[in-house]
């Protein structure tokens, strides 16, 4: 199955929290092909640093999540952020 994974799901994959087990099972299943938008790279880092600033994670957890993300990102299918993707996702058309 093709799965389109958003940033909030990826954070759950790289940092243990509520819902992490379900997301991990989906992402690691051999039956699934995982897709992310190129924008996820920026959103992921932003989400992690927000959690760090809010003291929801410590510096060690932040470093581990970033390291894991950088190691695993190449295993995901990355969809470039083109105007067509933006318009289709928001129901807008030329």
N, C-alpha and C. Protein backbone atom coordinates (compact mmCIF):
# COMPACT_ATOMS: atom_id res chain seq x y z
N UNK A 1 0.84 -1.17 0.00
CA UNK A 1 0.00 0.00 0.00
C UNK A 1 0.89 1.23 0.00
N UNK A 2 0.50 2.26 -0.75
CA UNK A 2 1.19 3.54 -0.73
C UNK A 2 0.70 4.34 0.47
N UNK A 3 1.63 4.82 1.28
CA UNK A 3 1.29 5.65 2.43
C UNK A 3 1.91 7.03 2.26
N UNK A 4 1.09 8.06 2.40
CA UNK A 4 1.59 9.42 2.42
C UNK A 4 1.68 9.82 3.89
N UNK A 5 2.88 10.05 4.37
CA UNK A 5 3.12 10.32 5.79
C UNK A 5 3.41 11.80 5.98
N UNK A 6 2.69 12.41 6.90
CA UNK A 6 2.92 13.83 7.17
C UNK A 6 3.94 13.99 8.29
N UNK A 7 4.27 15.22 8.57
CA UNK A 7 5.32 15.53 9.54
C UNK A 7 4.99 15.03 10.94
N UNK A 8 3.75 15.17 11.37
CA UNK A 8 3.39 14.74 12.73
C UNK A 8 3.58 13.24 12.89
N UNK A 9 3.31 12.48 11.84
CA UNK A 9 3.54 11.03 11.91
C UNK A 9 5.04 10.72 11.95
N UNK A 10 5.83 11.44 11.17
CA UNK A 10 7.27 11.20 11.18
C UNK A 10 7.89 11.51 12.54
N UNK A 11 7.40 12.54 13.18
CA UNK A 11 7.91 12.86 14.53
C UNK A 11 7.63 11.68 15.46
N UNK A 12 6.47 11.07 15.34
CA UNK A 12 6.14 9.90 16.16
C UNK A 12 7.05 8.71 15.84
N UNK A 13 7.49 8.62 14.60
CA UNK A 13 8.39 7.54 14.19
C UNK A 13 9.79 7.72 14.78
N UNK A 14 10.25 8.96 14.86
CA UNK A 14 11.60 9.24 15.32
C UNK A 14 11.70 9.63 16.79
N UNK A 15 10.56 9.83 17.44
CA UNK A 15 10.55 10.18 18.86
C UNK A 15 9.37 9.47 19.52
N UNK A 16 9.65 8.67 20.51
CA UNK A 16 8.61 7.87 21.19
C UNK A 16 7.60 8.78 21.89
N UNK A 17 6.35 8.61 21.50
CA UNK A 17 5.25 9.34 22.11
C UNK A 17 3.95 8.60 21.79
N UNK A 18 2.84 9.13 22.24
CA UNK A 18 1.56 8.50 21.98
C UNK A 18 1.35 8.34 20.47
N UNK A 19 1.04 7.14 20.05
CA UNK A 19 0.81 6.86 18.63
C UNK A 19 2.04 6.35 17.90
N UNK A 20 3.20 6.36 18.56
CA UNK A 20 4.43 5.94 17.91
C UNK A 20 4.39 4.48 17.44
N UNK A 21 3.80 3.61 18.23
CA UNK A 21 3.78 2.20 17.87
C UNK A 21 3.01 1.96 16.56
N UNK A 22 1.87 2.58 16.43
CA UNK A 22 1.06 2.42 15.22
C UNK A 22 1.80 2.95 14.01
N UNK A 23 2.37 4.15 14.13
CA UNK A 23 3.10 4.76 13.02
C UNK A 23 4.30 3.91 12.64
N UNK A 24 5.04 3.44 13.63
CA UNK A 24 6.21 2.61 13.36
C UNK A 24 5.83 1.33 12.62
N UNK A 25 4.76 0.69 13.05
CA UNK A 25 4.29 -0.53 12.37
C UNK A 25 3.96 -0.25 10.91
N UNK A 26 3.29 0.85 10.65
CA UNK A 26 2.92 1.20 9.27
C UNK A 26 4.15 1.50 8.41
N UNK A 27 5.06 2.29 8.95
CA UNK A 27 6.24 2.70 8.19
C UNK A 27 7.18 1.53 7.92
N UNK A 28 7.33 0.65 8.89
CA UNK A 28 8.29 -0.44 8.74
C UNK A 28 7.72 -1.68 8.06
N UNK A 29 6.43 -1.69 7.80
CA UNK A 29 5.81 -2.84 7.13
C UNK A 29 6.35 -2.98 5.71
N UNK A 30 6.77 -4.17 5.35
CA UNK A 30 7.28 -4.44 4.01
C UNK A 30 6.19 -4.26 2.95
N UNK A 31 4.94 -4.29 3.36
CA UNK A 31 3.82 -4.15 2.43
C UNK A 31 3.55 -2.70 2.03
N UNK A 32 4.16 -1.76 2.76
CA UNK A 32 3.87 -0.35 2.52
C UNK A 32 5.04 0.37 1.85
N UNK A 33 4.68 1.26 0.95
CA UNK A 33 5.63 2.16 0.33
C UNK A 33 5.34 3.54 0.90
N UNK A 34 6.33 4.13 1.55
CA UNK A 34 6.12 5.37 2.30
C UNK A 34 6.56 6.58 1.47
N UNK A 35 5.66 7.56 1.37
CA UNK A 35 5.91 8.79 0.64
C UNK A 35 5.82 9.99 1.59
N UNK A 36 6.72 10.94 1.39
CA UNK A 36 6.68 12.19 2.14
C UNK A 36 6.88 13.35 1.16
N UNK A 37 6.40 14.51 1.53
CA UNK A 37 6.69 15.70 0.75
C UNK A 37 8.06 16.25 1.13
N UNK A 38 8.73 16.85 0.18
CA UNK A 38 10.02 17.45 0.41
C UNK A 38 9.97 18.47 1.57
N UNK A 39 8.84 19.12 1.73
CA UNK A 39 8.64 20.11 2.79
C UNK A 39 8.79 19.50 4.19
N UNK A 40 8.62 18.20 4.30
CA UNK A 40 8.69 17.53 5.60
C UNK A 40 10.05 17.76 6.27
N UNK A 41 11.11 17.87 5.48
CA UNK A 41 12.44 18.09 6.07
C UNK A 41 12.44 19.34 6.95
N UNK A 42 11.92 20.42 6.42
CA UNK A 42 11.86 21.68 7.17
C UNK A 42 10.87 21.59 8.33
N UNK A 43 9.69 21.06 8.07
CA UNK A 43 8.67 20.96 9.12
C UNK A 43 9.13 20.06 10.26
N UNK A 44 9.82 18.98 9.93
CA UNK A 44 10.30 18.04 10.95
C UNK A 44 11.25 18.74 11.92
N UNK A 45 12.24 19.44 11.36
CA UNK A 45 13.20 20.14 12.21
C UNK A 45 12.51 21.21 13.04
N UNK A 46 11.58 21.91 12.44
CA UNK A 46 10.84 22.95 13.15
C UNK A 46 10.05 22.35 14.32
N UNK A 47 9.39 21.22 14.07
CA UNK A 47 8.61 20.56 15.13
C UNK A 47 9.51 20.09 16.27
N UNK A 48 10.65 19.52 15.94
CA UNK A 48 11.56 19.05 16.99
C UNK A 48 12.11 20.21 17.83
N UNK A 49 12.54 21.27 17.16
CA UNK A 49 13.09 22.40 17.91
C UNK A 49 12.03 23.11 18.75
N UNK A 50 10.78 23.12 18.27
CA UNK A 50 9.69 23.68 19.09
C UNK A 50 9.53 22.85 20.36
N UNK A 51 9.56 21.54 20.22
CA UNK A 51 9.43 20.67 21.40
C UNK A 51 10.61 20.87 22.34
N UNK A 52 11.78 21.07 21.78
CA UNK A 52 12.97 21.32 22.60
C UNK A 52 12.82 22.64 23.35
N UNK A 53 12.41 23.70 22.65
CA UNK A 53 12.22 25.02 23.30
C UNK A 53 11.16 24.95 24.39
N UNK A 54 10.13 24.12 24.16
CA UNK A 54 9.05 23.98 25.15
C UNK A 54 9.39 22.98 26.25
N UNK A 55 10.62 22.48 26.21
CA UNK A 55 11.12 21.52 27.21
C UNK A 55 10.33 20.22 27.24
N UNK A 56 9.78 19.84 26.08
CA UNK A 56 9.08 18.57 25.94
C UNK A 56 10.08 17.44 25.67
N UNK A 57 11.22 17.81 25.09
CA UNK A 57 12.32 16.86 24.88
C UNK A 57 13.61 17.54 25.31
N UNK A 58 14.59 16.73 25.68
CA UNK A 58 15.87 17.30 26.10
C UNK A 58 16.86 17.29 24.93
N UNK A 59 18.07 17.81 25.17
CA UNK A 59 19.04 17.92 24.09
C UNK A 59 19.47 16.56 23.54
N UNK A 60 19.52 15.55 24.38
CA UNK A 60 19.88 14.21 23.92
C UNK A 60 18.79 13.64 23.01
N UNK A 61 17.54 13.79 23.40
CA UNK A 61 16.43 13.32 22.57
C UNK A 61 16.37 14.07 21.24
N UNK A 62 16.63 15.36 21.29
CA UNK A 62 16.66 16.17 20.08
C UNK A 62 17.73 15.65 19.12
N UNK A 63 18.93 15.46 19.64
CA UNK A 63 20.04 14.99 18.81
C UNK A 63 19.76 13.61 18.23
N UNK A 64 19.18 12.71 19.04
CA UNK A 64 18.87 11.36 18.56
C UNK A 64 17.81 11.39 17.47
N UNK A 65 16.80 12.22 17.63
CA UNK A 65 15.74 12.31 16.62
C UNK A 65 16.28 12.88 15.31
N UNK A 66 17.10 13.91 15.39
CA UNK A 66 17.67 14.50 14.19
C UNK A 66 18.60 13.51 13.50
N UNK A 67 19.43 12.84 14.26
CA UNK A 67 20.35 11.84 13.70
C UNK A 67 19.58 10.71 13.01
N UNK A 68 18.56 10.20 13.69
CA UNK A 68 17.75 9.13 13.11
C UNK A 68 17.06 9.57 11.84
N UNK A 69 16.54 10.77 11.84
CA UNK A 69 15.87 11.32 10.66
C UNK A 69 16.85 11.42 9.50
N UNK A 70 18.04 11.97 9.75
CA UNK A 70 19.03 12.13 8.69
C UNK A 70 19.49 10.79 8.12
N UNK A 71 19.55 9.77 8.96
CA UNK A 71 19.94 8.44 8.50
C UNK A 71 18.84 7.75 7.70
N UNK A 72 17.60 7.97 8.06
CA UNK A 72 16.47 7.26 7.45
C UNK A 72 15.80 7.97 6.29
N UNK A 73 16.01 9.25 6.13
CA UNK A 73 15.28 10.02 5.13
C UNK A 73 15.44 9.44 3.73
N UNK A 74 16.58 8.86 3.45
CA UNK A 74 16.81 8.31 2.11
C UNK A 74 16.00 7.05 1.82
N UNK A 75 15.39 6.47 2.84
CA UNK A 75 14.58 5.27 2.64
C UNK A 75 13.13 5.61 2.29
N UNK A 76 12.78 6.88 2.39
CA UNK A 76 11.43 7.32 2.05
C UNK A 76 11.41 7.81 0.59
N UNK A 77 10.27 7.69 -0.02
CA UNK A 77 10.07 8.28 -1.34
C UNK A 77 9.71 9.74 -1.10
N UNK A 78 10.50 10.64 -1.66
CA UNK A 78 10.30 12.06 -1.42
C UNK A 78 9.67 12.70 -2.66
N UNK A 79 8.52 13.29 -2.47
CA UNK A 79 7.80 13.98 -3.54
C UNK A 79 8.19 15.46 -3.51
N UNK A 80 8.78 15.96 -4.61
CA UNK A 80 9.14 17.38 -4.64
C UNK A 80 7.90 18.26 -4.47
N UNK A 81 8.10 19.39 -3.88
CA UNK A 81 7.00 20.33 -3.66
C UNK A 81 6.86 21.22 -4.90
N UNK A 82 5.98 20.81 -5.78
CA UNK A 82 5.72 21.53 -7.02
C UNK A 82 4.36 22.21 -6.89
N UNK A 83 4.10 23.20 -7.74
CA UNK A 83 2.79 23.87 -7.69
C UNK A 83 1.63 22.89 -7.82
N UNK A 84 1.77 21.87 -8.64
CA UNK A 84 0.70 20.90 -8.83
C UNK A 84 0.36 20.20 -7.51
N UNK A 85 1.37 19.84 -6.75
CA UNK A 85 1.15 19.18 -5.46
C UNK A 85 0.41 20.11 -4.52
N UNK A 86 0.81 21.36 -4.46
CA UNK A 86 0.17 22.33 -3.57
C UNK A 86 -1.29 22.52 -3.97
N UNK A 87 -1.54 22.74 -5.23
CA UNK A 87 -2.90 22.99 -5.68
C UNK A 87 -3.80 21.78 -5.49
N UNK A 88 -3.30 20.60 -5.78
CA UNK A 88 -4.12 19.39 -5.61
C UNK A 88 -4.45 19.12 -4.14
N UNK A 89 -3.50 19.40 -3.27
CA UNK A 89 -3.74 19.16 -1.84
C UNK A 89 -4.70 20.16 -1.22
N UNK A 90 -4.81 21.31 -1.80
CA UNK A 90 -5.69 22.33 -1.25
C UNK A 90 -6.96 22.52 -2.09
N UNK A 91 -7.13 21.64 -3.09
CA UNK A 91 -8.33 21.70 -3.91
C UNK A 91 -8.38 22.90 -4.82
N UNK A 92 -7.24 23.47 -5.10
CA UNK A 92 -7.18 24.64 -5.97
C UNK A 92 -6.75 24.21 -7.37
N UNK A 93 -7.22 24.89 -8.35
CA UNK A 93 -6.87 24.58 -9.72
C UNK A 93 -6.53 25.86 -10.44
N UNK A 94 -5.72 25.76 -11.46
CA UNK A 94 -5.35 26.94 -12.26
C UNK A 94 -6.56 27.50 -12.96
